[in-house]
C-alpha cells in the first residue's frame, strides 16, 4: 500500500507540529508495511533541509503566499493521477476537512473527516471519529481504495531522525497572485437558476438518505436544490450545492428551507427570494424571523404533504 500524507504549514509552530504528527501516524498499526510520501504546502519560509532531516521518501513541496484549498486540491489531483496512491491522509489544520471534501468530491473517492483513530485488517479499513456533538464515537468502514481522510486530535510523538533521505520535488507556482487584493461574492452562473422554486436542506434533516429524498423531489420537478454548508461538510451534499456566502446566491420566487437554522452567512444566499417558507422544529431558530411563513414541526411530519402541494407546480 502507498499513501500520500498532506501537510499545510503556516508558521514555525505548525511546521514542527506537522512533523510530530507525521511521526505519530507512522507508529499506527495501520501504517505497517505501508510506503508513505508527503505533499507539503507552506506559507512559512523555511529551508527544505528540515524535511530531509525528519521525513522519509519522496516529498512534494510547494511554497505559496496564501494557502487556498482549491490550489491544494488541484495539485494533489495532479500528483494522484501520476502516482496512483491507495490513500491520502491530510494532517489536521484549519482547512484539512475542506480539502478532504473537495478532493473526495472531485476524485469520487470515499472520504472521512475529523478522524481520531484508524486501523485495518483482512476485512477492510476502519476510521473512527466523534459524531453528534462529540457524544458518539463512530467507526466508518472503507473497503475500496483509494480513500481520503482528514485527521483530528492525533497525539504527537517525539520527533525522530529518519535514515532515508527524501527526494524533494518542488511544485511550480502557476497563475497564483502574490496576494489577494479583495474578495467578492459573485452570483453563480447556472442555467438551473431559471427555476421559480428553490428547496434547501439543512442540518436539521437527520440523515443523508433524507437529504437525497429532498434532492430527488426537487430534480423531478426541475426545482433548484441546495444545502447548507454543514450538510455539505458532513458529506450529505455536494460543495456545488451550498447556498450562502460560500456557495450560490439565488433569487427564486419561492424558497423552501427544511431543517435550516438560518445563519447570517446562509441568509445571504436566499434573501432575494420573493417568498420564504421554512420548516423547523425549533421556534427560536433565526430562520423563523427571516421567513414569510414558518411551519414549526419536525420535517418528517410535514414533508410529504408539502411535496404534494408543490407537485402541481
C-alpha atoms as a PDB file:
ATOM      1  CA  UNK A   1       0.000   0.000   0.000  1.00  0.00           C
ATOM      2  CA  UNK A   2       1.216   3.507  -0.819  1.00  0.00           C
ATOM      3  CA  UNK A   3      -0.169   6.571   0.984  1.00  0.00           C
ATOM      4  CA  UNK A   4       0.317  10.303   0.474  1.00  0.00           C
ATOM      5  CA  UNK A   5       0.420  12.421   3.640  1.00  0.00           C
ATOM      6  CA  UNK A   6      -0.536  16.078   3.160  1.00  0.00           C
ATOM      7  CA  UNK A   7       0.772  18.890   5.392  1.00  0.00           C
ATOM      8  CA  UNK A   8      -0.253  22.549   5.488  1.00  0.00           C
ATOM      9  CA  UNK A   9       2.350  24.821   7.105  1.00  0.00           C
ATOM     10  CA  UNK A  10       1.550  28.367   8.248  1.00  0.00           C
ATOM     11  CA  UNK A  11       4.391  29.185  10.634  1.00  0.00           C
ATOM     12  CA  UNK A  12       7.266  27.650  12.586  1.00  0.00           C
ATOM     13  CA  UNK A  13       4.941  26.134  15.181  1.00  0.00           C
ATOM     14  CA  UNK A  14       2.729  24.400  12.613  1.00  0.00           C
ATOM     15  CA  UNK A  15       5.830  23.110  10.795  1.00  0.00           C
ATOM     16  CA  UNK A  16       7.091  21.355  13.927  1.00  0.00           C
ATOM     17  CA  UNK A  17       3.561  20.250  14.831  1.00  0.00           C
ATOM     18  CA  UNK A  18       3.083  18.653  11.406  1.00  0.00           C
ATOM     19  CA  UNK A  19       6.401  16.826  11.631  1.00  0.00           C
ATOM     20  CA  UNK A  20       5.413  15.446  15.052  1.00  0.00           C
ATOM     21  CA  UNK A  21       2.024  14.326  13.736  1.00  0.00           C
ATOM     22  CA  UNK A  22       3.743  12.695  10.762  1.00  0.00           C
ATOM     23  CA  UNK A  23       5.956  10.691  13.124  1.00  0.00           C
ATOM     24  CA  UNK A  24       2.919   9.812  15.236  1.00  0.00           C
ATOM     25  CA  UNK A  25       0.850   8.239  12.492  1.00  0.00           C
ATOM     26  CA  UNK A  26       3.823   6.198  11.259  1.00  0.00           C
ATOM     27  CA  UNK A  27       3.542   4.325  14.574  1.00  0.00           C
ATOM     28  CA  UNK A  28      -0.083   3.306  13.918  1.00  0.00           C
ATOM     29  CA  UNK A  29      -0.598  -0.394  13.139  1.00  0.00           C
ATOM     30  CA  UNK A  30      -2.462   0.771  10.032  1.00  0.00           C
ATOM     31  CA  UNK A  31       0.858   2.013   8.609  1.00  0.00           C
ATOM     32  CA  UNK A  32       2.675  -1.319   8.892  1.00  0.00           C
ATOM     33  CA  UNK A  33       4.181  -2.279   5.511  1.00  0.00           C
ATOM     34  CA  UNK A  34       2.898   0.995   4.043  1.00  0.00           C
ATOM     35  CA  UNK A  35       5.064   3.241   1.887  1.00  0.00           C
ATOM     36  CA  UNK A  36       4.470   6.907   2.694  1.00  0.00           C
ATOM     37  CA  UNK A  37       5.205  10.000   0.662  1.00  0.00           C
ATOM     38  CA  UNK A  38       4.426  13.632   1.514  1.00  0.00           C
ATOM     39  CA  UNK A  39       2.997  16.763  -0.038  1.00  0.00           C
ATOM     40  CA  UNK A  40       3.880  19.932   1.887  1.00  0.00           C
ATOM     41  CA  UNK A  41       2.179  23.273   1.205  1.00  0.00           C
ATOM     42  CA  UNK A  42       3.740  26.168   3.087  1.00  0.00           C
ATOM     43  CA  UNK A  43       3.118  29.868   3.649  1.00  0.00           C
ATOM     44  CA  UNK A  44       6.108  29.841   6.005  1.00  0.00           C
ATOM     45  CA  UNK A  45       9.551  30.429   4.506  1.00  0.00           C
ATOM     46  CA  UNK A  46      11.885  27.678   5.709  1.00  0.00           C
ATOM     47  CA  UNK A  47      14.724  25.565   4.374  1.00  0.00           C
ATOM     48  CA  UNK A  48      13.701  22.216   2.904  1.00  0.00           C
ATOM     49  CA  UNK A  49      16.708  20.753   4.735  1.00  0.00           C
ATOM     50  CA  UNK A  50      14.434  20.248   7.727  1.00  0.00           C
ATOM     51  CA  UNK A  51      12.257  17.965   5.607  1.00  0.00           C
ATOM     52  CA  UNK A  52      15.324  15.937   4.660  1.00  0.00           C
ATOM     53  CA  UNK A  53      16.076  15.510   8.346  1.00  0.00           C
ATOM     54  CA  UNK A  54      12.681  14.345   9.546  1.00  0.00           C
ATOM     55  CA  UNK A  55      10.669  12.958   6.616  1.00  0.00           C
ATOM     56  CA  UNK A  56      11.426   9.807   4.679  1.00  0.00           C
ATOM     57  CA  UNK A  57      10.918   9.001   0.992  1.00  0.00           C
ATOM     58  CA  UNK A  58       9.575  11.420  -1.617  1.00  0.00           C
ATOM     59  CA  UNK A  59       8.295  14.896  -0.714  1.00  0.00           C
ATOM     60  CA  UNK A  60       6.309  17.214  -2.970  1.00  0.00           C
ATOM     61  CA  UNK A  61       6.903  20.771  -1.751  1.00  0.00           C
ATOM     62  CA  UNK A  62       5.141  23.988  -2.689  1.00  0.00           C
ATOM     63  CA  UNK A  63       5.898  27.430  -1.292  1.00  0.00           C
ATOM     64  CA  UNK A  64       2.795  29.563  -1.571  1.00  0.00           C
ATOM     65  CA  UNK A  65       1.832  33.080  -0.494  1.00  0.00           C
ATOM     66  CA  UNK A  66      -1.619  32.068   0.699  1.00  0.00           C
ATOM     67  CA  UNK A  67      -2.849  28.524   1.298  1.00  0.00           C
ATOM     68  CA  UNK A  68      -6.101  28.073  -0.607  1.00  0.00           C
ATOM     69  CA  UNK A  69      -7.928  24.695  -0.518  1.00  0.00           C
ATOM     70  CA  UNK A  70      -8.653  24.767  -4.250  1.00  0.00           C
ATOM     71  CA  UNK A  71      -4.926  25.080  -5.034  1.00  0.00           C
ATOM     72  CA  UNK A  72      -4.106  22.127  -2.787  1.00  0.00           C
ATOM     73  CA  UNK A  73      -6.919  20.126  -4.375  1.00  0.00           C
ATOM     74  CA  UNK A  74      -5.628  20.800  -7.887  1.00  0.00           C
ATOM     75  CA  UNK A  75      -2.030  19.899  -7.024  1.00  0.00           C
ATOM     76  CA  UNK A  76      -2.980  16.711  -5.160  1.00  0.00           C
ATOM     77  CA  UNK A  77      -5.234  15.680  -8.039  1.00  0.00           C
ATOM     78  CA  UNK A  78      -2.299  16.050 -10.455  1.00  0.00           C
ATOM     79  CA  UNK A  79       0.023  14.119  -8.133  1.00  0.00           C
ATOM     80  CA  UNK A  80      -2.554  11.362  -7.634  1.00  0.00           C
ATOM     81  CA  UNK A  81      -3.083  10.972 -11.368  1.00  0.00           C
ATOM     82  CA  UNK A  82       0.639  10.325 -11.709  1.00  0.00           C
ATOM     83  CA  UNK A  83       1.344   8.270  -8.579  1.00  0.00           C
ATOM     84  CA  UNK A  84      -1.976   6.441  -8.020  1.00  0.00           C
ATOM     85  CA  UNK A  85      -1.825   6.339  -4.198  1.00  0.00           C
ATOM     86  CA  UNK A  86      -4.038   3.883  -2.313  1.00  0.00           C
ATOM     87  CA  UNK A  87      -4.931   6.584   0.189  1.00  0.00           C
ATOM     88  CA  UNK A  88      -4.471  10.263   1.017  1.00  0.00           C
ATOM     89  CA  UNK A  89      -4.166  11.324   4.669  1.00  0.00           C
ATOM     90  CA  UNK A  90      -4.479  15.055   5.409  1.00  0.00           C
ATOM     91  CA  UNK A  91      -2.935  16.161   8.698  1.00  0.00           C
ATOM     92  CA  UNK A  92      -5.035  18.400  10.937  1.00  0.00           C
ATOM     93  CA  UNK A  93      -5.248  22.088  10.043  1.00  0.00           C
ATOM     94  CA  UNK A  94      -7.906  24.776   9.804  1.00  0.00           C
ATOM     95  CA  UNK A  95      -8.605  23.701   6.211  1.00  0.00           C
ATOM     96  CA  UNK A  96      -7.969  19.938   6.331  1.00  0.00           C
ATOM     97  CA  UNK A  97     -11.654  18.943   6.293  1.00  0.00           C
ATOM     98  CA  UNK A  98     -12.411  21.313   3.441  1.00  0.00           C
ATOM     99  CA  UNK A  99      -9.520  19.911   1.387  1.00  0.00           C
ATOM    100  CA  UNK A 100     -10.655  16.323   2.092  1.00  0.00           C
ATOM    101  CA  UNK A 101     -14.208  17.040   0.928  1.00  0.00           C
ATOM    102  CA  UNK A 102     -13.021  18.922  -2.173  1.00  0.00           C
ATOM    103  CA  UNK A 103     -10.721  16.051  -3.149  1.00  0.00           C
ATOM    104  CA  UNK A 104     -13.271  13.364  -2.362  1.00  0.00           C
ATOM    105  CA  UNK A 105     -15.927  15.019  -4.499  1.00  0.00           C
ATOM    106  CA  UNK A 106     -13.545  15.751  -7.361  1.00  0.00           C
ATOM    107  CA  UNK A 107     -11.886  12.312  -7.478  1.00  0.00           C
ATOM    108  CA  UNK A 108     -15.048  10.397  -6.468  1.00  0.00           C
ATOM    109  CA  UNK A 109     -13.196   8.618  -3.629  1.00  0.00           C
ATOM    110  CA  UNK A 110     -14.593   7.521  -0.264  1.00  0.00           C
ATOM    111  CA  UNK A 111     -13.640  10.079   2.385  1.00  0.00           C
ATOM    112  CA  UNK A 112     -13.992  10.605   6.143  1.00  0.00           C
ATOM    113  CA  UNK A 113     -13.246  13.838   8.026  1.00  0.00           C
ATOM    114  CA  UNK A 114     -12.118  14.503  11.625  1.00  0.00           C
ATOM    115  CA  UNK A 115     -10.623  11.013  12.055  1.00  0.00           C
ATOM    116  CA  UNK A 116      -9.121  10.434  15.519  1.00  0.00           C
ATOM    117  CA  UNK A 117      -8.030   6.802  15.096  1.00  0.00           C
ATOM    118  CA  UNK A 118      -7.740   4.250  12.299  1.00  0.00           C
ATOM    119  CA  UNK A 119      -6.771   0.627  11.732  1.00  0.00           C
ATOM    120  CA  UNK A 120      -7.134  -2.128   9.133  1.00  0.00           C
ATOM    121  CA  UNK A 121      -7.470  -5.897   8.917  1.00  0.00           C
ATOM    122  CA  UNK A 122      -8.290  -8.527   6.309  1.00  0.00           C
ATOM    123  CA  UNK A 123     -11.903  -7.271   6.089  1.00  0.00           C
ATOM    124  CA  UNK A 124     -11.250  -3.617   5.375  1.00  0.00           C
ATOM    125  CA  UNK A 125     -10.091  -0.250   6.693  1.00  0.00           C
ATOM    126  CA  UNK A 126     -11.715   1.397   9.707  1.00  0.00           C
ATOM    127  CA  UNK A 127     -11.726   5.068  10.661  1.00  0.00           C
ATOM    128  CA  UNK A 128     -13.019   6.427  13.966  1.00  0.00           C
ATOM    129  CA  UNK A 129     -14.401   9.897  14.586  1.00  0.00           C
ATOM    130  CA  UNK A 130     -16.684  11.658  17.041  1.00  0.00           C
ATOM    131  CA  UNK A 131     -20.246  12.406  15.902  1.00  0.00           C
ATOM    132  CA  UNK A 132     -23.340  14.173  17.239  1.00  0.00           C
ATOM    133  CA  UNK A 133     -21.513  16.996  19.032  1.00  0.00           C
ATOM    134  CA  UNK A 134     -18.793  14.588  20.224  1.00  0.00           C
ATOM    135  CA  UNK A 135     -21.317  12.446  22.116  1.00  0.00           C
ATOM    136  CA  UNK A 136     -20.921   9.358  19.920  1.00  0.00           C
ATOM    137  CA  UNK A 137     -17.747   7.550  18.855  1.00  0.00           C
ATOM    138  CA  UNK A 138     -18.442   6.274  15.332  1.00  0.00           C
ATOM    139  CA  UNK A 139     -16.461   3.817  13.229  1.00  0.00           C
ATOM    140  CA  UNK A 140     -16.611   4.033   9.434  1.00  0.00           C
ATOM    141  CA  UNK A 141     -15.590   1.089   7.256  1.00  0.00           C
ATOM    142  CA  UNK A 142     -13.990   1.658   3.866  1.00  0.00           C
ATOM    143  CA  UNK A 143     -13.422  -1.405   1.719  1.00  0.00           C
ATOM    144  CA  UNK A 144     -12.483   0.248  -1.542  1.00  0.00           C
ATOM    145  CA  UNK A 145      -9.318   2.143  -2.337  1.00  0.00           C
ATOM    146  CA  UNK A 146      -8.296   4.878  -2.953  1.00  0.00           C
ATOM    147  CA  UNK A 147      -9.582   6.725   0.121  1.00  0.00           C
ATOM    148  CA  UNK A 148      -9.164  10.180   1.655  1.00  0.00           C
ATOM    149  CA  UNK A 149      -9.211  11.079   5.366  1.00  0.00           C
ATOM    150  CA  UNK A 150      -8.531  14.237   7.350  1.00  0.00           C
ATOM    151  CA  UNK A 151      -7.197  13.791  10.874  1.00  0.00           C
ATOM    152  CA  UNK A 152      -8.076  15.495  14.144  1.00  0.00           C
ATOM    153  CA  UNK A 153      -6.521  15.426  17.619  1.00  0.00           C
ATOM    154  CA  UNK A 154      -3.860  12.831  16.766  1.00  0.00           C
ATOM    155  CA  UNK A 155      -1.427  12.671  19.677  1.00  0.00           C
ATOM    156  CA  UNK A 156       2.056  13.861  18.774  1.00  0.00           C
ATOM    157  CA  UNK A 157       5.123  11.646  19.091  1.00  0.00           C
ATOM    158  CA  UNK A 158       8.633  12.829  19.713  1.00  0.00           C
ATOM    159  CA  UNK A 159      10.482  13.828  16.558  1.00  0.00           C
ATOM    160  CA  UNK A 160      12.776  11.101  15.296  1.00  0.00           C
ATOM    161  CA  UNK A 161      15.529  11.344  12.708  1.00  0.00           C
ATOM    162  CA  UNK A 162      14.929   9.106   9.724  1.00  0.00           C
ATOM    163  CA  UNK A 163      17.675   7.272   7.880  1.00  0.00           C
ATOM    164  CA  UNK A 164      16.175   7.613   4.410  1.00  0.00           C
ATOM    165  CA  UNK A 165      16.828  10.917   2.659  1.00  0.00           C
ATOM    166  CA  UNK A 166      13.766  12.174   0.781  1.00  0.00           C
ATOM    167  CA  UNK A 167      13.642  13.167  -2.834  1.00  0.00           C
ATOM    168  CA  UNK A 168      12.135  16.669  -2.651  1.00  0.00           C
ATOM    169  CA  UNK A 169      10.169  17.771  -5.696  1.00  0.00           C
ATOM    170  CA  UNK A 170       9.204  21.441  -5.771  1.00  0.00           C
ATOM    171  CA  UNK A 171       5.817  22.135  -7.376  1.00  0.00           C
ATOM    172  CA  UNK A 172       5.933  25.085  -9.751  1.00  0.00           C
ATOM    173  CA  UNK A 173       3.691  28.034  -8.936  1.00  0.00           C
ATOM    174  CA  UNK A 174       1.423  28.838 -11.865  1.00  0.00           C
ATOM    175  CA  UNK A 175      -1.006  31.723 -12.187  1.00  0.00           C
ATOM    176  CA  UNK A 176      -1.081  32.378  -8.444  1.00  0.00           C
ATOM    177  CA  UNK A 177      -1.350  36.045  -7.386  1.00  0.00           C
ATOM    178  CA  UNK A 178       1.228  37.446  -4.988  1.00  0.00           C
ATOM    179  CA  UNK A 179      -1.570  38.403  -2.636  1.00  0.00           C
ATOM    180  CA  UNK A 180      -5.347  38.628  -2.520  1.00  0.00           C
ATOM    181  CA  UNK A 181      -6.454  42.212  -3.120  1.00  0.00           C
ATOM    182  CA  UNK A 182     -10.142  41.755  -2.469  1.00  0.00           C
ATOM    183  CA  UNK A 183     -12.751  39.048  -2.133  1.00  0.00           C
ATOM    184  CA  UNK A 184     -16.173  39.458  -3.704  1.00  0.00           C
ATOM    185  CA  UNK A 185     -19.226  37.227  -3.705  1.00  0.00           C
ATOM    186  CA  UNK A 186     -20.112  36.527  -7.325  1.00  0.00           C
ATOM    187  CA  UNK A 187     -23.505  35.145  -8.210  1.00  0.00           C
ATOM    188  CA  UNK A 188     -23.074  31.675  -9.605  1.00  0.00           C
ATOM    189  CA  UNK A 189     -24.000  31.408 -13.290  1.00  0.00           C
ATOM    190  CA  UNK A 190     -26.149  28.310 -13.562  1.00  0.00           C
ATOM    191  CA  UNK A 191     -28.963  27.640 -16.002  1.00  0.00           C
ATOM    192  CA  UNK A 192     -30.931  25.946 -13.217  1.00  0.00           C
ATOM    193  CA  UNK A 193     -31.405  29.331 -11.566  1.00  0.00           C
ATOM    194  CA  UNK A 194     -34.241  29.993 -14.033  1.00  0.00           C
ATOM    195  CA  UNK A 195     -36.467  27.889 -11.749  1.00  0.00           C
ATOM    196  CA  UNK A 196     -39.026  29.758  -9.659  1.00  0.00           C
ATOM    197  CA  UNK A 197     -38.631  27.457  -6.640  1.00  0.00           C
ATOM    198  CA  UNK A 198     -35.573  26.690  -4.508  1.00  0.00           C
ATOM    199  CA  UNK A 199     -35.558  23.916  -1.876  1.00  0.00           C
ATOM    200  CA  UNK A 200     -32.744  23.926   0.704  1.00  0.00           C
ATOM    201  CA  UNK A 201     -31.922  21.094   3.141  1.00  0.00           C
ATOM    202  CA  UNK A 202     -30.199  21.937   6.412  1.00  0.00           C
ATOM    203  CA  UNK A 203     -28.501  20.019   9.222  1.00  0.00           C
ATOM    204  CA  UNK A 204     -31.902  19.512  10.838  1.00  0.00           C
ATOM    205  CA  UNK A 205     -32.583  16.912   8.151  1.00  0.00           C
ATOM    206  CA  UNK A 206     -31.425  13.898  10.093  1.00  0.00           C
ATOM    207  CA  UNK A 207     -29.533  11.783   7.550  1.00  0.00           C
ATOM    208  CA  UNK A 208     -28.070  11.556   4.058  1.00  0.00           C
ATOM    209  CA  UNK A 209     -30.988   9.425   2.841  1.00  0.00           C
ATOM    210  CA  UNK A 210     -33.481  12.153   3.740  1.00  0.00           C
ATOM    211  CA  UNK A 211     -31.353  14.809   2.031  1.00  0.00           C
ATOM    212  CA  UNK A 212     -31.298  12.625  -1.080  1.00  0.00           C
ATOM    213  CA  UNK A 213     -35.108  12.266  -0.946  1.00  0.00           C
ATOM    214  CA  UNK A 214     -35.486  16.045  -0.946  1.00  0.00           C
ATOM    215  CA  UNK A 215     -32.907  16.393  -3.723  1.00  0.00           C
ATOM    216  CA  UNK A 216     -34.665  13.858  -5.952  1.00  0.00           C
ATOM    217  CA  UNK A 217     -38.031  15.563  -5.479  1.00  0.00           C
ATOM    218  CA  UNK A 218     -36.503  18.910  -6.473  1.00  0.00           C
ATOM    219  CA  UNK A 219     -34.847  17.363  -9.528  1.00  0.00           C
ATOM    220  CA  UNK A 220     -38.080  15.637 -10.583  1.00  0.00           C
ATOM    221  CA  UNK A 221     -39.894  18.985 -10.561  1.00  0.00           C
ATOM    222  CA  UNK A 222     -36.965  20.882 -12.121  1.00  0.00           C
ATOM    223  CA  UNK A 223     -36.685  22.994  -8.967  1.00  0.00           C
ATOM    224  CA  UNK A 224     -33.386  24.356  -7.686  1.00  0.00           C
ATOM    225  CA  UNK A 225     -31.848  22.357  -4.848  1.00  0.00           C
ATOM    226  CA  UNK A 226     -29.283  23.439  -2.284  1.00  0.00           C
ATOM    227  CA  UNK A 227     -27.820  22.562   1.100  1.00  0.00           C
ATOM    228  CA  UNK A 228     -26.295  24.477   3.970  1.00  0.00           C
ATOM    229  CA  UNK A 229     -22.536  24.379   4.435  1.00  0.00           C
ATOM    230  CA  UNK A 230     -22.695  21.953   7.444  1.00  0.00           C
ATOM    231  CA  UNK A 231     -24.666  19.458   5.328  1.00  0.00           C
ATOM    232  CA  UNK A 232     -22.041  19.563   2.568  1.00  0.00           C
ATOM    233  CA  UNK A 233     -19.138  19.292   5.021  1.00  0.00           C
ATOM    234  CA  UNK A 234     -20.857  16.278   6.574  1.00  0.00           C
ATOM    235  CA  UNK A 235     -20.765  14.565   3.192  1.00  0.00           C
ATOM    236  CA  UNK A 236     -24.552  14.639   2.712  1.00  0.00           C
ATOM    237  CA  UNK A 237     -24.459  17.212  -0.076  1.00  0.00           C
ATOM    238  CA  UNK A 238     -22.127  18.467  -2.770  1.00  0.00           C
ATOM    239  CA  UNK A 239     -19.964  21.548  -2.386  1.00  0.00           C
ATOM    240  CA  UNK A 240     -21.573  22.940  -5.531  1.00  0.00           C
ATOM    241  CA  UNK A 241     -24.959  22.759  -3.794  1.00  0.00           C
ATOM    242  CA  UNK A 242     -24.011  25.057  -0.897  1.00  0.00           C
ATOM    243  CA  UNK A 243     -26.258  28.108  -0.529  1.00  0.00           C
ATOM    244  CA  UNK A 244     -24.902  31.301   1.010  1.00  0.00           C
ATOM    245  CA  UNK A 245     -21.646  33.237   1.260  1.00  0.00           C
ATOM    246  CA  UNK A 246     -19.509  30.193   0.411  1.00  0.00           C
ATOM    247  CA  UNK A 247     -21.843  28.956  -2.335  1.00  0.00           C
ATOM    248  CA  UNK A 248     -24.703  30.142  -4.528  1.00  0.00           C
ATOM    249  CA  UNK A 249     -26.775  33.324  -4.327  1.00  0.00           C
ATOM    250  CA  UNK A 250     -30.364  32.772  -5.502  1.00  0.00           C
ATOM    251  CA  UNK A 251     -33.413  34.896  -6.312  1.00  0.00           C
ATOM    252  CA  UNK A 252     -36.331  32.453  -6.653  1.00  0.00           C
ATOM    253  CA  UNK A 253     -39.977  33.375  -6.331  1.00  0.00           C
ATOM    254  CA  UNK A 254     -40.347  30.792  -3.553  1.00  0.00           C
ATOM    255  CA  UNK A 255     -37.622  29.433  -1.267  1.00  0.00           C
ATOM    256  CA  UNK A 256     -38.418  26.441   0.958  1.00  0.00           C
ATOM    257  CA  UNK A 257     -35.937  25.668   3.737  1.00  0.00           C
ATOM    258  CA  UNK A 258     -36.126  22.331   5.556  1.00  0.00           C
ATOM    259  CA  UNK A 259     -34.179  21.891   8.787  1.00  0.00           C
ATOM    260  CA  UNK A 260     -32.189  25.097   8.234  1.00  0.00           C
ATOM    261  CA  UNK A 261     -31.284  27.144  11.329  1.00  0.00           C
ATOM    262  CA  UNK A 262     -30.622  30.316   9.336  1.00  0.00           C
ATOM    263  CA  UNK A 263     -27.140  31.712   9.925  1.00  0.00           C
ATOM    264  CA  UNK A 264     -26.270  35.135   8.530  1.00  0.00           C
ATOM    265  CA  UNK A 265     -23.852  33.531   6.050  1.00  0.00           C
ATOM    266  CA  UNK A 266     -26.638  31.281   4.763  1.00  0.00           C
ATOM    267  CA  UNK A 267     -29.284  34.017   4.572  1.00  0.00           C
ATOM    268  CA  UNK A 268     -27.172  35.942   2.057  1.00  0.00           C
ATOM    269  CA  UNK A 269     -27.970  33.148  -0.403  1.00  0.00           C
ATOM    270  CA  UNK A 270     -31.776  33.428  -0.146  1.00  0.00           C
ATOM    271  CA  UNK A 271     -32.520  36.988   0.988  1.00  0.00           C
ATOM    272  CA  UNK A 272     -33.537  37.999  -2.547  1.00  0.00           C
ATOM    273  CA  UNK A 273     -36.318  35.399  -2.601  1.00  0.00           C
ATOM    274  CA  UNK A 274     -39.818  36.802  -3.117  1.00  0.00           C
ATOM    275  CA  UNK A 275     -41.292  34.411  -0.552  1.00  0.00           C
ATOM    276  CA  UNK A 276     -39.600  32.215   2.068  1.00  0.00           C
ATOM    277  CA  UNK A 277     -41.226  29.161   3.651  1.00  0.00           C
ATOM    278  CA  UNK A 278     -39.350  27.419   6.462  1.00  0.00           C
ATOM    279  CA  UNK A 279     -39.862  24.072   8.180  1.00  0.00           C
ATOM    280  CA  UNK A 280     -38.137  23.819  11.552  1.00  0.00           C
ATOM    281  CA  UNK A 281     -38.904  22.142  14.865  1.00  0.00           C
ATOM    282  CA  UNK A 282     -37.178  24.958  16.788  1.00  0.00           C
ATOM    283  CA  UNK A 283     -39.357  28.054  17.057  1.00  0.00           C
ATOM    284  CA  UNK A 284     -36.312  30.040  18.258  1.00  0.00           C
ATOM    285  CA  UNK A 285     -34.240  29.352  15.137  1.00  0.00           C
ATOM    286  CA  UNK A 286     -33.168  32.553  13.298  1.00  0.00           C
ATOM    287  CA  UNK A 287     -34.770  31.294  10.066  1.00  0.00           C
ATOM    288  CA  UNK A 288     -38.222  31.761  11.630  1.00  0.00           C
ATOM    289  CA  UNK A 289     -37.862  35.554  11.702  1.00  0.00           C
ATOM    290  CA  UNK A 290     -36.439  35.519   8.168  1.00  0.00           C
ATOM    291  CA  UNK A 291     -39.442  33.655   6.758  1.00  0.00           C
ATOM    292  CA  UNK A 292     -42.783  34.824   5.420  1.00  0.00           C
ATOM    293  CA  UNK A 293     -44.366  31.557   6.574  1.00  0.00           C
ATOM    294  CA  UNK A 294     -42.971  29.078   9.110  1.00  0.00           C
ATOM    295  CA  UNK A 295     -44.062  25.544   9.909  1.00  0.00           C
ATOM    296  CA  UNK A 296     -42.979  24.714  13.461  1.00  0.00           C
ATOM    297  CA  UNK A 297     -42.808  20.930  13.368  1.00  0.00           C
ATOM    298  CA  UNK A 298     -40.467  18.045  12.647  1.00  0.00           C
ATOM    299  CA  UNK A 299     -39.910  17.983   8.902  1.00  0.00           C
ATOM    300  CA  UNK A 300     -40.775  14.264   8.767  1.00  0.00           C
ATOM    301  CA  UNK A 301     -44.321  15.077   9.855  1.00  0.00           C
ATOM    302  CA  UNK A 302     -44.986  17.571   7.064  1.00  0.00           C
ATOM    303  CA  UNK A 303     -42.623  16.863   4.167  1.00  0.00           C
ATOM    304  CA  UNK A 304     -44.947  14.513   2.257  1.00  0.00           C
ATOM    305  CA  UNK A 305     -47.884  16.935   2.499  1.00  0.00           C
ATOM    306  CA  UNK A 306     -45.597  19.786   1.466  1.00  0.00           C
ATOM    307  CA  UNK A 307     -44.365  17.839  -1.548  1.00  0.00           C
ATOM    308  CA  UNK A 308     -47.945  17.038  -2.559  1.00  0.00           C
ATOM    309  CA  UNK A 309     -48.769  20.746  -2.600  1.00  0.00           C
ATOM    310  CA  UNK A 310     -45.821  21.538  -4.865  1.00  0.00           C
ATOM    311  CA  UNK A 311     -46.410  18.591  -7.202  1.00  0.00           C
ATOM    312  CA  UNK A 312     -48.927  20.762  -9.044  1.00  0.00           C
ATOM    313  CA  UNK A 313     -46.282  23.408  -9.774  1.00  0.00           C
END
